[in-house]
Amino acid sequence: MTIKNAVITSASITNDDHGLLSAWLFLDYGGYGQGFGGYVLYTPKSFTHHNDGGNYAGLFIWRCMEIAGVTEWSELTGKTIRVRGEEYGQIKAIGHIIKDDWFEPAQEFEETNAQTS
């Protein structure tokens, strides 16, 4: 695992990807970039595999804002965060630039599932 700093160049919440709700942070490492997100945050009731499960949308949005130190989604652009993952591979977690606070969606979504079961 590597850790590097990144600047958030933009953030989006969309349902463009197959009609599922997802959110993205687009990151700049200084010369190249990468996206963080794409998790299924909500499936519409019209989907045969609709599942209200945990509140992934709220958790994802809240933790991204918390890590970047903002109180509004629109303030994410321009904030610097840390990124942990495989070199040139998938981002596993994002972290606050100073505090030892990391958001690892796979782990936190699993913990949310355990609490709602």
Protein backbone atom coordinates (compact mmCIF):
# COMPACT_ATOMS: atom_id res chain seq x y z
CA MET A 1 0.00 0.00 0.00
CA THR A 2 1.17 3.49 -0.78
CA ILE A 3 0.03 6.80 0.70
CA LYS A 4 0.13 10.00 -1.32
CA ASN A 5 -1.43 13.46 -1.23
CA ALA A 6 -4.09 14.53 -3.72
CA VAL A 7 -6.15 17.62 -4.48
CA ILE A 8 -9.85 17.15 -5.12
CA THR A 9 -10.50 18.72 -8.54
CA SER A 10 -14.24 17.99 -8.60
CA ALA A 11 -16.96 15.97 -6.89
CA SER A 12 -20.16 14.57 -8.30
CA ILE A 13 -23.25 12.69 -7.20
CA THR A 14 -24.86 10.94 -10.13
CA ASN A 15 -27.28 8.28 -11.28
CA ASP A 16 -25.73 8.08 -14.78
CA ASP A 17 -23.99 4.76 -14.21
CA HIS A 18 -26.72 2.22 -15.02
CA GLY A 19 -29.35 4.21 -13.09
CA LEU A 20 -27.70 3.59 -9.70
CA LEU A 21 -26.89 6.38 -7.29
CA SER A 22 -23.14 6.83 -6.90
CA ALA A 23 -20.70 9.58 -5.96
CA TRP A 24 -17.18 10.40 -7.12
CA LEU A 25 -14.24 12.50 -6.02
CA PHE A 26 -11.85 13.29 -8.86
CA LEU A 27 -8.28 13.63 -7.61
CA ASP A 28 -5.10 15.23 -8.93
CA TYR A 29 -1.74 13.87 -7.77
CA GLY A 30 0.22 16.51 -9.67
CA GLY A 31 0.61 15.29 -13.21
CA TYR A 32 -1.99 12.53 -13.23
CA GLY A 33 -5.40 11.92 -11.70
CA GLN A 34 -7.77 9.26 -10.49
CA GLY A 35 -11.37 8.86 -9.35
CA PHE A 36 -12.50 7.69 -5.92
CA GLY A 37 -16.01 6.34 -5.57
CA GLY A 38 -18.40 4.55 -7.86
CA TYR A 39 -19.91 2.49 -5.05
CA VAL A 40 -23.60 1.64 -5.36
CA LEU A 41 -25.08 4.02 -2.79
CA TYR A 42 -28.72 3.30 -3.62
CA THR A 43 -30.69 1.11 -6.03
CA PRO A 44 -34.10 2.41 -7.10
CA LYS A 45 -37.18 0.41 -6.09
CA SER A 46 -37.72 -0.49 -9.74
CA PHE A 47 -34.59 -2.69 -9.62
CA THR A 48 -35.32 -6.37 -8.96
CA HIS A 49 -32.41 -6.46 -6.52
CA HIS A 50 -33.47 -3.29 -4.65
CA ASN A 51 -32.14 -3.32 -1.10
CA ASP A 52 -32.57 -0.56 1.47
CA GLY A 53 -29.69 -2.16 3.46
CA GLY A 54 -27.50 0.39 5.18
CA ASN A 55 -27.47 4.11 4.55
CA TYR A 56 -24.47 3.99 2.24
CA ALA A 57 -25.26 7.28 0.52
CA GLY A 58 -25.36 9.22 3.76
CA LEU A 59 -22.26 7.49 5.09
CA PHE A 60 -20.24 8.03 1.90
CA ILE A 61 -21.20 11.70 1.57
CA TRP A 62 -20.67 12.42 5.29
CA ARG A 63 -17.27 10.72 5.48
CA CYS A 64 -15.94 12.35 2.29
CA MET A 65 -16.92 15.75 3.67
CA GLU A 66 -15.46 14.92 7.08
CA ILE A 67 -12.15 13.76 5.61
CA ALA A 68 -11.85 16.94 3.50
CA GLY A 69 -12.87 19.14 6.45
CA VAL A 70 -15.87 20.78 4.78
CA THR A 71 -19.50 21.35 5.74
CA GLU A 72 -20.91 21.46 2.18
CA TRP A 73 -20.38 19.04 -0.73
CA SER A 74 -19.71 22.01 -3.02
CA GLU A 75 -16.67 22.95 -0.88
CA LEU A 76 -14.78 19.71 -1.68
CA THR A 77 -13.12 21.10 -4.81
CA GLY A 78 -9.61 22.35 -4.04
CA LYS A 79 -9.22 20.47 -0.74
CA THR A 80 -6.12 18.33 -0.17
CA ILE A 81 -6.50 14.81 1.23
CA ARG A 82 -4.36 11.68 1.58
CA VAL A 83 -4.97 8.58 -0.50
CA ARG A 84 -4.11 4.98 0.41
CA GLY A 85 -4.08 2.19 -2.13
CA GLU A 86 -2.11 0.14 -4.60
CA GLU A 87 0.38 2.15 -6.67
CA TYR A 88 -1.58 3.10 -9.83
CA GLY A 89 -4.41 0.82 -8.67
CA GLN A 90 -7.70 1.11 -6.82
CA ILE A 91 -7.95 3.60 -3.98
CA LYS A 92 -8.74 1.71 -0.77
CA ALA A 93 -9.15 4.72 1.55
CA ILE A 94 -8.97 8.49 1.75
CA GLY A 95 -7.61 10.30 4.77
CA HIS A 96 -7.64 13.71 6.41
CA ILE A 97 -4.53 15.65 5.43
CA ILE A 98 -3.41 16.16 9.06
CA LYS A 99 -5.52 14.00 11.39
CA ASP A 100 -5.21 10.22 11.55
CA ASP A 101 -8.74 9.76 10.19
CA TRP A 102 -9.25 7.38 7.26
CA PHE A 103 -12.40 6.50 5.31
CA GLU A 104 -12.26 2.99 3.86
CA PRO A 105 -15.69 2.47 2.25
CA ALA A 106 -15.55 -1.34 2.00
CA GLN A 107 -14.86 -1.64 5.74
CA GLU A 108 -17.30 1.04 6.89
CA PHE A 109 -20.10 -0.28 4.63
CA GLU A 110 -19.56 -3.75 6.07
CA GLU A 111 -19.74 -2.35 9.63
CA THR A 112 -22.99 -0.55 8.73
CA ASN A 113 -24.44 -3.81 7.39
CA ALA A 114 -23.53 -5.60 10.63
CA GLN A 115 -25.25 -2.90 12.71
CA THR A 116 -28.48 -3.06 10.68
CA SER A 117 -28.68 -6.87 10.62
